C-alpha atoms as a PDB file:
ATOM      1  CA  UNK A   1       0.000   0.000   0.000  1.00  0.00           C
ATOM      2  CA  UNK A   2       2.895   2.398   0.834  1.00  0.00           C
ATOM      3  CA  UNK A   3       4.591   1.681  -2.463  1.00  0.00           C
ATOM      4  CA  UNK A   4       1.402   2.387  -4.358  1.00  0.00           C
ATOM      5  CA  UNK A   5       1.088   5.834  -2.715  1.00  0.00           C
ATOM      6  CA  UNK A   6       4.660   6.989  -3.473  1.00  0.00           C
ATOM      7  CA  UNK A   7       4.100   7.741  -7.178  1.00  0.00           C
ATOM      8  CA  UNK A   8       0.918   9.628  -6.304  1.00  0.00           C
ATOM      9  CA  UNK A   9       2.772  11.922  -3.859  1.00  0.00           C
ATOM     10  CA  UNK A  10       5.536  12.489  -6.392  1.00  0.00           C
ATOM     11  CA  UNK A  11       2.976  13.431  -8.989  1.00  0.00           C
ATOM     12  CA  UNK A  12       1.424  15.908  -6.544  1.00  0.00           C
ATOM     13  CA  UNK A  13       4.790  17.548  -5.879  1.00  0.00           C
ATOM     14  CA  UNK A  14       5.602  17.779  -9.595  1.00  0.00           C
ATOM     15  CA  UNK A  15       2.218  19.199 -10.526  1.00  0.00           C
ATOM     16  CA  UNK A  16       2.471  21.808  -7.718  1.00  0.00           C
ATOM     17  CA  UNK A  17       5.794  23.164  -9.044  1.00  0.00           C
ATOM     18  CA  UNK A  18       5.004  26.514 -10.811  1.00  0.00           C
ATOM     19  CA  UNK A  19       6.144  27.174 -14.357  1.00  0.00           C
ATOM     20  CA  UNK A  20       9.220  29.528 -14.526  1.00  0.00           C
ATOM     21  CA  UNK A  21       7.530  31.549 -17.258  1.00  0.00           C
ATOM     22  CA  UNK A  22       4.465  32.016 -15.091  1.00  0.00           C
ATOM     23  CA  UNK A  23       6.693  33.194 -12.221  1.00  0.00           C
ATOM     24  CA  UNK A  24       8.360  35.760 -14.489  1.00  0.00           C
ATOM     25  CA  UNK A  25       5.018  37.007 -15.785  1.00  0.00           C
ATOM     26  CA  UNK A  26       3.698  37.240 -12.248  1.00  0.00           C
ATOM     27  CA  UNK A  27       6.731  39.222 -11.093  1.00  0.00           C
ATOM     28  CA  UNK A  28       6.391  41.521 -14.121  1.00  0.00           C
ATOM     29  CA  UNK A  29       2.703  42.159 -13.377  1.00  0.00           C
ATOM     30  CA  UNK A  30       3.497  42.948  -9.745  1.00  0.00           C
ATOM     31  CA  UNK A  31       6.324  45.289 -10.772  1.00  0.00           C
ATOM     32  CA  UNK A  32       4.075  47.126 -13.240  1.00  0.00           C
ATOM     33  CA  UNK A  33       1.296  47.378 -10.668  1.00  0.00           C
ATOM     34  CA  UNK A  34       3.701  48.738  -8.027  1.00  0.00           C
ATOM     35  CA  UNK A  35       5.150  51.337 -10.446  1.00  0.00           C
ATOM     36  CA  UNK A  36       1.966  52.234 -12.341  1.00  0.00           C
ATOM     37  CA  UNK A  37       1.827  55.745 -10.873  1.00  0.00           C
ATOM     38  CA  UNK A  38       5.500  56.360 -11.668  1.00  0.00           C
ATOM     39  CA  UNK A  39       4.971  55.187 -15.261  1.00  0.00           C
ATOM     40  CA  UNK A  40       1.964  57.507 -15.577  1.00  0.00           C
ATOM     41  CA  UNK A  41       4.006  60.544 -14.478  1.00  0.00           C
ATOM     42  CA  UNK A  42       6.844  59.470 -16.788  1.00  0.00           C
ATOM     43  CA  UNK A  43       4.498  59.124 -19.747  1.00  0.00           C
ATOM     44  CA  UNK A  44       2.995  62.561 -19.078  1.00  0.00           C
ATOM     45  CA  UNK A  45       6.459  64.122 -18.941  1.00  0.00           C
ATOM     46  CA  UNK A  46       7.530  62.423 -22.163  1.00  0.00           C
ATOM     47  CA  UNK A  47       4.356  63.542 -23.944  1.00  0.00           C
ATOM     48  CA  UNK A  48       4.817  67.164 -22.810  1.00  0.00           C
ATOM     49  CA  UNK A  49       8.478  67.128 -23.801  1.00  0.00           C
ATOM     50  CA  UNK A  50       7.660  65.592 -27.190  1.00  0.00           C
ATOM     51  CA  UNK A  51       4.885  68.081 -27.884  1.00  0.00           C
ATOM     52  CA  UNK A  52       6.715  71.230 -26.795  1.00  0.00           C
ATOM     53  CA  UNK A  53      10.296  70.295 -27.819  1.00  0.00           C
ATOM     54  CA  UNK A  54      10.521  67.488 -30.348  1.00  0.00           C
ATOM     55  CA  UNK A  55       7.462  68.403 -32.418  1.00  0.00           C
ATOM     56  CA  UNK A  56       8.498  72.080 -32.926  1.00  0.00           C
ATOM     57  CA  UNK A  57      11.970  70.889 -33.914  1.00  0.00           C
ATOM     58  CA  UNK A  58      10.645  68.460 -36.513  1.00  0.00           C
ATOM     59  CA  UNK A  59       8.021  70.973 -37.654  1.00  0.00           C
ATOM     60  CA  UNK A  60      10.668  73.684 -38.066  1.00  0.00           C
ATOM     61  CA  UNK A  61      12.891  71.432 -40.166  1.00  0.00           C
ATOM     62  CA  UNK A  62       9.908  70.446 -42.316  1.00  0.00           C
ATOM     63  CA  UNK A  63       8.842  74.082 -42.666  1.00  0.00           C
ATOM     64  CA  UNK A  64      12.292  75.041 -43.945  1.00  0.00           C
ATOM     65  CA  UNK A  65      11.525  73.075 -47.115  1.00  0.00           C
ATOM     66  CA  UNK A  66       8.174  74.794 -47.637  1.00  0.00           C
ATOM     67  CA  UNK A  67       6.866  78.202 -48.592  1.00  0.00           C
ATOM     68  CA  UNK A  68       4.352  79.186 -45.942  1.00  0.00           C
ATOM     69  CA  UNK A  69       2.880  82.511 -44.826  1.00  0.00           C
ATOM     70  CA  UNK A  70       0.343  80.904 -42.444  1.00  0.00           C
ATOM     71  CA  UNK A  71      -2.483  82.190 -44.651  1.00  0.00           C
ATOM     72  CA  UNK A  72      -2.379  80.038 -47.760  1.00  0.00           C
ATOM     73  CA  UNK A  73      -1.631  76.351 -47.847  1.00  0.00           C
ATOM     74  CA  UNK A  74       2.087  75.552 -47.519  1.00  0.00           C
ATOM     75  CA  UNK A  75       3.862  74.670 -50.747  1.00  0.00           C
ATOM     76  CA  UNK A  76       6.775  72.268 -50.882  1.00  0.00           C
ATOM     77  CA  UNK A  77       9.758  74.052 -52.462  1.00  0.00           C
ATOM     78  CA  UNK A  78      12.691  71.820 -51.522  1.00  0.00           C
ATOM     79  CA  UNK A  79      15.995  73.679 -51.107  1.00  0.00           C
ATOM     80  CA  UNK A  80      14.710  76.947 -52.572  1.00  0.00           C
ATOM     81  CA  UNK A  81      14.616  78.647 -49.167  1.00  0.00           C
ATOM     82  CA  UNK A  82      18.266  77.816 -48.563  1.00  0.00           C
ATOM     83  CA  UNK A  83      19.220  79.132 -52.026  1.00  0.00           C
ATOM     84  CA  UNK A  84      17.403  82.393 -51.265  1.00  0.00           C
ATOM     85  CA  UNK A  85      19.216  82.661 -47.945  1.00  0.00           C
ATOM     86  CA  UNK A  86      22.674  82.322 -49.446  1.00  0.00           C
ATOM     87  CA  UNK A  87      21.769  84.876 -52.130  1.00  0.00           C
ATOM     88  CA  UNK A  88      20.561  87.451 -49.588  1.00  0.00           C
ATOM     89  CA  UNK A  89      23.306  89.954 -48.597  1.00  0.00           C
ATOM     90  CA  UNK A  90      21.683  90.376 -45.187  1.00  0.00           C
ATOM     91  CA  UNK A  91      22.295  86.676 -44.505  1.00  0.00           C
ATOM     92  CA  UNK A  92      26.069  87.154 -44.503  1.00  0.00           C
ATOM     93  CA  UNK A  93      25.776  90.492 -42.707  1.00  0.00           C
ATOM     94  CA  UNK A  94      23.758  88.887 -39.921  1.00  0.00           C
ATOM     95  CA  UNK A  95      26.268  86.074 -39.435  1.00  0.00           C
ATOM     96  CA  UNK A  96      29.165  88.526 -39.459  1.00  0.00           C
ATOM     97  CA  UNK A  97      27.456  90.760 -36.908  1.00  0.00           C
ATOM     98  CA  UNK A  98      26.591  87.765 -34.728  1.00  0.00           C
ATOM     99  CA  UNK A  99      30.192  86.557 -34.813  1.00  0.00           C
ATOM    100  CA  UNK A 100      31.385  90.073 -33.970  1.00  0.00           C
ATOM    101  CA  UNK A 101      28.942  90.327 -31.067  1.00  0.00           C
ATOM    102  CA  UNK A 102      30.023  86.916 -29.768  1.00  0.00           C
ATOM    103  CA  UNK A 103      33.704  87.822 -30.037  1.00  0.00           C
ATOM    104  CA  UNK A 104      33.350  91.131 -28.189  1.00  0.00           C
ATOM    105  CA  UNK A 105      31.073  89.518 -25.605  1.00  0.00           C
ATOM    106  CA  UNK A 106      33.710  86.869 -24.926  1.00  0.00           C
ATOM    107  CA  UNK A 107      36.327  89.554 -24.328  1.00  0.00           C
ATOM    108  CA  UNK A 108      34.092  91.514 -21.934  1.00  0.00           C
ATOM    109  CA  UNK A 109      31.437  89.131 -20.681  1.00  0.00           C
ATOM    110  CA  UNK A 110      33.864  86.244 -20.165  1.00  0.00           C
ATOM    111  CA  UNK A 111      36.713  88.118 -18.495  1.00  0.00           C
ATOM    112  CA  UNK A 112      34.814  90.706 -16.439  1.00  0.00           C
ATOM    113  CA  UNK A 113      32.859  88.154 -14.326  1.00  0.00           C
ATOM    114  CA  UNK A 114      36.106  86.309 -13.557  1.00  0.00           C
ATOM    115  CA  UNK A 115      37.813  89.513 -12.387  1.00  0.00           C
ATOM    116  CA  UNK A 116      34.794  90.478 -10.276  1.00  0.00           C
ATOM    117  CA  UNK A 117      34.635  86.981  -8.759  1.00  0.00           C
ATOM    118  CA  UNK A 118      38.324  87.156  -7.772  1.00  0.00           C
ATOM    119  CA  UNK A 119      37.759  90.574  -6.177  1.00  0.00           C
ATOM    120  CA  UNK A 120      34.680  89.355  -4.286  1.00  0.00           C
ATOM    121  CA  UNK A 121      36.597  86.332  -3.086  1.00  0.00           C
ATOM    122  CA  UNK A 122      39.318  88.579  -1.675  1.00  0.00           C
ATOM    123  CA  UNK A 123      36.894  90.833   0.196  1.00  0.00           C
ATOM    124  CA  UNK A 124      36.786  90.635   3.964  1.00  0.00           C
ATOM    125  CA  UNK A 125      33.734  92.847   4.596  1.00  0.00           C
ATOM    126  CA  UNK A 126      30.328  93.461   2.952  1.00  0.00           C
ATOM    127  CA  UNK A 127      30.555  90.274   0.884  1.00  0.00           C
ATOM    128  CA  UNK A 128      26.792  89.719   0.899  1.00  0.00           C
ATOM    129  CA  UNK A 129      26.016  93.272  -0.218  1.00  0.00           C
ATOM    130  CA  UNK A 130      28.387  93.181  -3.185  1.00  0.00           C
ATOM    131  CA  UNK A 131      27.180  89.721  -4.269  1.00  0.00           C
ATOM    132  CA  UNK A 132      23.583  90.960  -4.303  1.00  0.00           C
ATOM    133  CA  UNK A 133      24.648  94.097  -6.180  1.00  0.00           C
ATOM    134  CA  UNK A 134      26.404  92.012  -8.851  1.00  0.00           C
ATOM    135  CA  UNK A 135      23.531  89.529  -9.196  1.00  0.00           C
ATOM    136  CA  UNK A 136      20.732  92.132  -9.129  1.00  0.00           C
ATOM    137  CA  UNK A 137      20.610  92.717 -12.940  1.00  0.00           C
ATOM    138  CA  UNK A 138      20.021  88.997 -13.508  1.00  0.00           C
ATOM    139  CA  UNK A 139      16.832  89.187 -11.440  1.00  0.00           C
ATOM    140  CA  UNK A 140      15.428  91.966 -13.626  1.00  0.00           C
ATOM    141  CA  UNK A 141      13.462  91.076 -16.776  1.00  0.00           C
ATOM    142  CA  UNK A 142      15.736  91.406 -19.823  1.00  0.00           C
ATOM    143  CA  UNK A 143      13.474  93.968 -21.475  1.00  0.00           C
ATOM    144  CA  UNK A 144      13.669  96.158 -18.352  1.00  0.00           C
ATOM    145  CA  UNK A 145      17.470  96.097 -18.483  1.00  0.00           C
ATOM    146  CA  UNK A 146      17.454  97.013 -22.165  1.00  0.00           C
ATOM    147  CA  UNK A 147      14.982  99.866 -21.668  1.00  0.00           C
ATOM    148  CA  UNK A 148      17.086 101.212 -18.813  1.00  0.00           C
ATOM    149  CA  UNK A 149      20.145 101.294 -21.035  1.00  0.00           C
ATOM    150  CA  UNK A 150      18.036 102.777 -23.798  1.00  0.00           C
ATOM    151  CA  UNK A 151      17.662 105.814 -21.573  1.00  0.00           C
ATOM    152  CA  UNK A 152      21.407 105.809 -20.900  1.00  0.00           C
ATOM    153  CA  UNK A 153      22.124 105.756 -24.650  1.00  0.00           C
ATOM    154  CA  UNK A 154      19.660 108.472 -25.618  1.00  0.00           C
ATOM    155  CA  UNK A 155      21.658 110.857 -27.836  1.00  0.00           C
ATOM    156  CA  UNK A 156      19.767 113.880 -26.523  1.00  0.00           C
ATOM    157  CA  UNK A 157      19.184 113.781 -22.773  1.00  0.00           C
ATOM    158  CA  UNK A 158      20.623 110.336 -22.051  1.00  0.00           C
ATOM    159  CA  UNK A 159      22.725 109.787 -18.949  1.00  0.00           C
ATOM    160  CA  UNK A 160      25.967 109.041 -20.791  1.00  0.00           C
ATOM    161  CA  UNK A 161      25.841 112.073 -23.060  1.00  0.00           C
ATOM    162  CA  UNK A 162      24.837 114.264 -20.111  1.00  0.00           C
ATOM    163  CA  UNK A 163      27.932 113.123 -18.228  1.00  0.00           C
ATOM    164  CA  UNK A 164      30.104 113.683 -21.308  1.00  0.00           C
ATOM    165  CA  UNK A 165      28.747 117.178 -21.798  1.00  0.00           C
ATOM    166  CA  UNK A 166      29.319 117.918 -18.126  1.00  0.00           C
ATOM    167  CA  UNK A 167      32.947 116.872 -18.538  1.00  0.00           C
ATOM    168  CA  UNK A 168      33.217 118.958 -21.735  1.00  0.00           C
ATOM    169  CA  UNK A 169      33.848 115.861 -23.830  1.00  0.00           C
ATOM    170  CA  UNK A 170      32.345 115.027 -27.237  1.00  0.00           C
ATOM    171  CA  UNK A 171      29.079 113.112 -27.124  1.00  0.00           C
ATOM    172  CA  UNK A 172      28.226 109.976 -29.065  1.00  0.00           C
ATOM    173  CA  UNK A 173      25.268 108.567 -30.954  1.00  0.00           C
ATOM    174  CA  UNK A 174      25.871 105.202 -29.245  1.00  0.00           C
ATOM    175  CA  UNK A 175      23.495 102.610 -30.777  1.00  0.00           C
ATOM    176  CA  UNK A 176      22.799 104.862 -33.788  1.00  0.00           C
ATOM    177  CA  UNK A 177      26.489 104.973 -34.648  1.00  0.00           C
ATOM    178  CA  UNK A 178      27.780 102.183 -36.941  1.00  0.00           C
ATOM    179  CA  UNK A 179      31.077 102.178 -35.030  1.00  0.00           C
ATOM    180  CA  UNK A 180      29.740 102.230 -31.454  1.00  0.00           C
ATOM    181  CA  UNK A 181      26.513 100.260 -31.901  1.00  0.00           C
ATOM    182  CA  UNK A 182      27.904  96.756 -31.461  1.00  0.00           C
ATOM    183  CA  UNK A 183      30.033  97.643 -28.434  1.00  0.00           C
ATOM    184  CA  UNK A 184      27.012  99.385 -26.914  1.00  0.00           C
ATOM    185  CA  UNK A 185      24.933  96.221 -27.302  1.00  0.00           C
ATOM    186  CA  UNK A 186      27.664  94.109 -25.729  1.00  0.00           C
ATOM    187  CA  UNK A 187      27.837  96.437 -22.708  1.00  0.00           C
ATOM    188  CA  UNK A 188      24.103  95.964 -22.128  1.00  0.00           C
ATOM    189  CA  UNK A 189      24.330  92.198 -22.446  1.00  0.00           C
ATOM    190  CA  UNK A 190      27.391  91.981 -20.200  1.00  0.00           C
ATOM    191  CA  UNK A 191      25.837  94.090 -17.465  1.00  0.00           C
ATOM    192  CA  UNK A 192      22.565  92.152 -17.563  1.00  0.00           C
ATOM    193  CA  UNK A 193      24.032  88.626 -17.559  1.00  0.00           C
ATOM    194  CA  UNK A 194      27.357  88.713 -15.737  1.00  0.00           C
ATOM    195  CA  UNK A 195      25.829  88.024 -12.307  1.00  0.00           C
ATOM    196  CA  UNK A 196      25.232  84.337 -12.951  1.00  0.00           C
ATOM    197  CA  UNK A 197      28.723  83.738 -14.339  1.00  0.00           C
ATOM    198  CA  UNK A 198      30.244  85.699 -11.447  1.00  0.00           C
ATOM    199  CA  UNK A 199      28.545  83.513  -8.855  1.00  0.00           C
ATOM    200  CA  UNK A 200      29.626  80.356 -10.670  1.00  0.00           C
ATOM    201  CA  UNK A 201      33.208  81.595 -10.750  1.00  0.00           C
ATOM    202  CA  UNK A 202      32.950  82.548  -7.074  1.00  0.00           C
ATOM    203  CA  UNK A 203      31.690  79.074  -6.153  1.00  0.00           C
ATOM    204  CA  UNK A 204      34.576  77.515  -8.081  1.00  0.00           C
ATOM    205  CA  UNK A 205      37.055  79.805  -6.307  1.00  0.00           C
ATOM    206  CA  UNK A 206      35.757  78.832  -2.893  1.00  0.00           C
ATOM    207  CA  UNK A 207      36.043  75.134  -3.735  1.00  0.00           C
ATOM    208  CA  UNK A 208      39.803  75.412  -4.310  1.00  0.00           C
ATOM    209  CA  UNK A 209      41.668  73.861  -1.328  1.00  0.00           C
ATOM    210  CA  UNK A 210      43.289  76.471   0.874  1.00  0.00           C
ATOM    211  CA  UNK A 211      46.384  74.295   1.247  1.00  0.00           C
ATOM    212  CA  UNK A 212      47.376  75.156  -2.311  1.00  0.00           C
ATOM    213  CA  UNK A 213      47.391  78.863  -1.546  1.00  0.00           C
ATOM    214  CA  UNK A 214      49.276  78.318   1.692  1.00  0.00           C
ATOM    215  CA  UNK A 215      51.928  76.291  -0.118  1.00  0.00           C
ATOM    216  CA  UNK A 216      52.199  78.980  -2.799  1.00  0.00           C
ATOM    217  CA  UNK A 217      52.605  81.699  -0.161  1.00  0.00           C
ATOM    218  CA  UNK A 218      55.336  79.691   1.558  1.00  0.00           C
ATOM    219  CA  UNK A 219      57.147  79.544  -1.771  1.00  0.00           C
ATOM    220  CA  UNK A 220      56.967  83.331  -1.964  1.00  0.00           C
ATOM    221  CA  UNK A 221      54.231  83.552  -4.608  1.00  0.00           C
ATOM    222  CA  UNK A 222      52.469  86.881  -4.828  1.00  0.00           C
ATOM    223  CA  UNK A 223      48.885  87.641  -5.845  1.00  0.00           C
ATOM    224  CA  UNK A 224      49.493  87.341  -9.591  1.00  0.00           C
ATOM    225  CA  UNK A 225      51.611  84.210  -9.182  1.00  0.00           C
ATOM    226  CA  UNK A 226      48.879  82.544  -7.089  1.00  0.00           C
ATOM    227  CA  UNK A 227      46.290  83.558  -9.663  1.00  0.00           C
ATOM    228  CA  UNK A 228      48.334  82.152 -12.526  1.00  0.00           C
ATOM    229  CA  UNK A 229      49.621  78.916 -10.979  1.00  0.00           C
ATOM    230  CA  UNK A 230      46.813  78.011  -8.563  1.00  0.00           C
ATOM    231  CA  UNK A 231      43.535  79.756  -9.332  1.00  0.00           C
ATOM    232  CA  UNK A 232      43.344  79.496 -13.117  1.00  0.00           C
ATOM    233  CA  UNK A 233      44.506  75.844 -13.381  1.00  0.00           C
ATOM    234  CA  UNK A 234      41.989  74.787 -10.708  1.00  0.00           C
ATOM    235  CA  UNK A 235      39.175  76.611 -12.516  1.00  0.00           C
ATOM    236  CA  UNK A 236      40.037  75.366 -15.995  1.00  0.00           C
ATOM    237  CA  UNK A 237      36.996  73.095 -16.300  1.00  0.00           C
ATOM    238  CA  UNK A 238      34.502  75.714 -15.061  1.00  0.00           C
ATOM    239  CA  UNK A 239      35.987  78.342 -17.367  1.00  0.00           C
ATOM    240  CA  UNK A 240      35.736  76.045 -20.385  1.00  0.00           C
ATOM    241  CA  UNK A 241      32.118  75.128 -19.604  1.00  0.00           C
ATOM    242  CA  UNK A 242      31.154  78.792 -19.199  1.00  0.00           C
ATOM    243  CA  UNK A 243      32.950  79.601 -22.437  1.00  0.00           C
ATOM    244  CA  UNK A 244      30.827  77.115 -24.373  1.00  0.00           C
ATOM    245  CA  UNK A 245      27.617  78.231 -22.655  1.00  0.00           C
ATOM    246  CA  UNK A 246      28.367  81.867 -23.390  1.00  0.00           C
ATOM    247  CA  UNK A 247      29.019  81.157 -27.055  1.00  0.00           C
ATOM    248  CA  UNK A 248      25.685  79.358 -27.292  1.00  0.00           C
ATOM    249  CA  UNK A 249      23.914  82.198 -25.483  1.00  0.00           C
ATOM    250  CA  UNK A 250      25.469  85.150 -27.293  1.00  0.00           C
ATOM    251  CA  UNK A 251      24.867  83.672 -30.739  1.00  0.00           C
ATOM    252  CA  UNK A 252      21.133  83.835 -29.951  1.00  0.00           C
ATOM    253  CA  UNK A 253      21.148  87.519 -29.010  1.00  0.00           C
ATOM    254  CA  UNK A 254      17.833  89.151 -29.891  1.00  0.00           C
ATOM    255  CA  UNK A 255      16.386  91.500 -27.272  1.00  0.00           C
ATOM    256  CA  UNK A 256      19.270  93.990 -27.235  1.00  0.00           C
ATOM    257  CA  UNK A 257      19.488  94.657 -31.007  1.00  0.00           C
ATOM    258  CA  UNK A 258      15.723  94.394 -31.491  1.00  0.00           C
ATOM    259  CA  UNK A 259      14.837  96.901 -28.769  1.00  0.00           C
ATOM    260  CA  UNK A 260      17.737  99.318 -29.136  1.00  0.00           C
ATOM    261  CA  UNK A 261      18.176  99.487 -32.916  1.00  0.00           C
ATOM    262  CA  UNK A 262      15.470  97.380 -34.555  1.00  0.00           C
ATOM    263  CA  UNK A 263      16.198  97.125 -38.271  1.00  0.00           C
ATOM    264  CA  UNK A 264      17.402 100.697 -38.731  1.00  0.00           C
ATOM    265  CA  UNK A 265      21.091  99.956 -38.244  1.00  0.00           C
ATOM    266  CA  UNK A 266      22.460  97.215 -40.539  1.00  0.00           C
ATOM    267  CA  UNK A 267      25.553  96.909 -38.349  1.00  0.00           C
ATOM    268  CA  UNK A 268      23.452  95.387 -35.535  1.00  0.00           C
ATOM    269  CA  UNK A 269      21.283  92.937 -37.501  1.00  0.00           C
ATOM    270  CA  UNK A 270      21.965  89.517 -35.987  1.00  0.00           C
ATOM    271  CA  UNK A 271      20.815  86.046 -36.960  1.00  0.00           C
ATOM    272  CA  UNK A 272      17.864  86.128 -34.571  1.00  0.00           C
ATOM    273  CA  UNK A 273      16.692  89.574 -35.666  1.00  0.00           C
ATOM    274  CA  UNK A 274      16.956  88.477 -39.300  1.00  0.00           C
ATOM    275  CA  UNK A 275      14.790  85.454 -38.529  1.00  0.00           C
ATOM    276  CA  UNK A 276      12.218  87.814 -37.027  1.00  0.00           C
ATOM    277  CA  UNK A 277      12.503  90.042 -40.092  1.00  0.00           C
ATOM    278  CA  UNK A 278      11.870  87.142 -42.449  1.00  0.00           C
ATOM    279  CA  UNK A 279       8.896  85.835 -40.471  1.00  0.00           C
ATOM    280  CA  UNK A 280       7.085  88.942 -39.240  1.00  0.00           C
ATOM    281  CA  UNK A 281       8.567  92.314 -40.148  1.00  0.00           C
ATOM    282  CA  UNK A 282       9.066  92.296 -43.928  1.00  0.00           C
ATOM    283  CA  UNK A 283       8.747  89.022 -45.798  1.00  0.00           C
ATOM    284  CA  UNK A 284       6.075  87.110 -43.833  1.00  0.00           C
ATOM    285  CA  UNK A 285       7.837  84.005 -45.128  1.00  0.00           C
ATOM    286  CA  UNK A 286       7.959  81.452 -42.352  1.00  0.00           C
ATOM    287  CA  UNK A 287       9.680  78.904 -44.558  1.00  0.00           C
ATOM    288  CA  UNK A 288      12.613  81.258 -45.089  1.00  0.00           C
ATOM    289  CA  UNK A 289      12.741  82.027 -41.360  1.00  0.00           C
ATOM    290  CA  UNK A 290      12.645  78.310 -40.568  1.00  0.00           C
ATOM    291  CA  UNK A 291      15.555  77.662 -42.938  1.00  0.00           C
ATOM    292  CA  UNK A 292      17.593  80.331 -41.146  1.00  0.00           C
ATOM    293  CA  UNK A 293      16.645  78.770 -37.815  1.00  0.00           C
ATOM    294  CA  UNK A 294      17.788  75.334 -38.970  1.00  0.00           C
ATOM    295  CA  UNK A 295      21.196  76.724 -39.936  1.00  0.00           C
ATOM    296  CA  UNK A 296      21.530  78.410 -36.539  1.00  0.00           C
ATOM    297  CA  UNK A 297      20.474  75.173 -34.863  1.00  0.00           C
ATOM    298  CA  UNK A 298      23.165  73.254 -36.751  1.00  0.00           C
ATOM    299  CA  UNK A 299      25.868  75.696 -35.649  1.00  0.00           C
ATOM    300  CA  UNK A 300      24.735  75.673 -32.016  1.00  0.00           C
ATOM    301  CA  UNK A 301      24.465  71.878 -32.051  1.00  0.00           C
ATOM    302  CA  UNK A 302      28.237  71.680 -32.598  1.00  0.00           C
ATOM    303  CA  UNK A 303      28.925  73.725 -29.463  1.00  0.00           C
ATOM    304  CA  UNK A 304      26.244  71.827 -27.537  1.00  0.00           C
ATOM    305  CA  UNK A 305      27.899  68.534 -28.488  1.00  0.00           C
ATOM    306  CA  UNK A 306      31.241  69.873 -27.243  1.00  0.00           C
ATOM    307  CA  UNK A 307      29.591  70.898 -23.982  1.00  0.00           C
ATOM    308  CA  UNK A 308      27.978  67.470 -23.496  1.00  0.00           C
ATOM    309  CA  UNK A 309      31.224  65.713 -24.328  1.00  0.00           C
ATOM    310  CA  UNK A 310      33.146  67.877 -21.883  1.00  0.00           C
ATOM    311  CA  UNK A 311      30.713  67.363 -19.012  1.00  0.00           C
ATOM    312  CA  UNK A 312      30.471  63.626 -19.699  1.00  0.00           C
ATOM    313  CA  UNK A 313      34.252  63.215 -19.652  1.00  0.00           C
ATOM    314  CA  UNK A 314      34.401  65.163 -16.408  1.00  0.00           C
ATOM    315  CA  UNK A 315      31.740  62.977 -14.764  1.00  0.00           C
ATOM    316  CA  UNK A 316      33.500  59.821 -15.943  1.00  0.00           C
ATOM    317  CA  UNK A 317      36.773  60.993 -14.453  1.00  0.00           C
ATOM    318  CA  UNK A 318      35.048  61.941 -11.232  1.00  0.00           C
END
């Protein structure tokens, strides 16, 4: 009787063993059920990002191959928009002015925040006040900063010309002058945006180990020697990152030339203002404006790739 029951018990044990595939499916269902809310939030974020970022990008590239004024039906024209761009003299003028603005902005807007950060780091009193004073323009809306400087640059009763007349010096037309217009725009941009870069430089300065400065002082290094052999090498990564970010930012300059000069001064027409001109001011040709935008996107993508590569290499080394 015992031997006849042994196969039956073995069969019960074998039949009760669950299938590995069923166990995997069961674990997968439990994992999905536990993370359903997280997946819902993730899907909502992806949909918003796709609708507001990816779709405009794809739509802009598609529009660059069409002739569209948003009134009539768009017409597919292939590379005609790009041919018209390269044949337009303002196209090359805008790129030249943008490169000039970026170059001058790198000289002023890249070096001035570093100098101010070094000075703030050396202060012993009123550090908080001066940091707020430097960062205050960043907290103002960009259009407010530009309108404030528009009063400064007024050729009649503007602040700068009033000071020059009080000092018995010749006045200037500032943004109306073809020689002073670009420098005037860079001064506005530098003043309005240097606060963020200054604080980033200041944070990098304060992260430098004090032992390095103490060792340099023991070796008899002065202020300039410490700056050259300790400060700048330790801040090399931050300076390079800010350089790339500033190039990307300054090549998209729009508010300063649009508000201060508009389209009256050809020496201040930039890529972004030309895009606006194509789309709204003169041509009402959104296909032509989209083609210009695609070219700007391609140029900025190169610098963005360099920035991503730099930050990725830094995180890998860290």
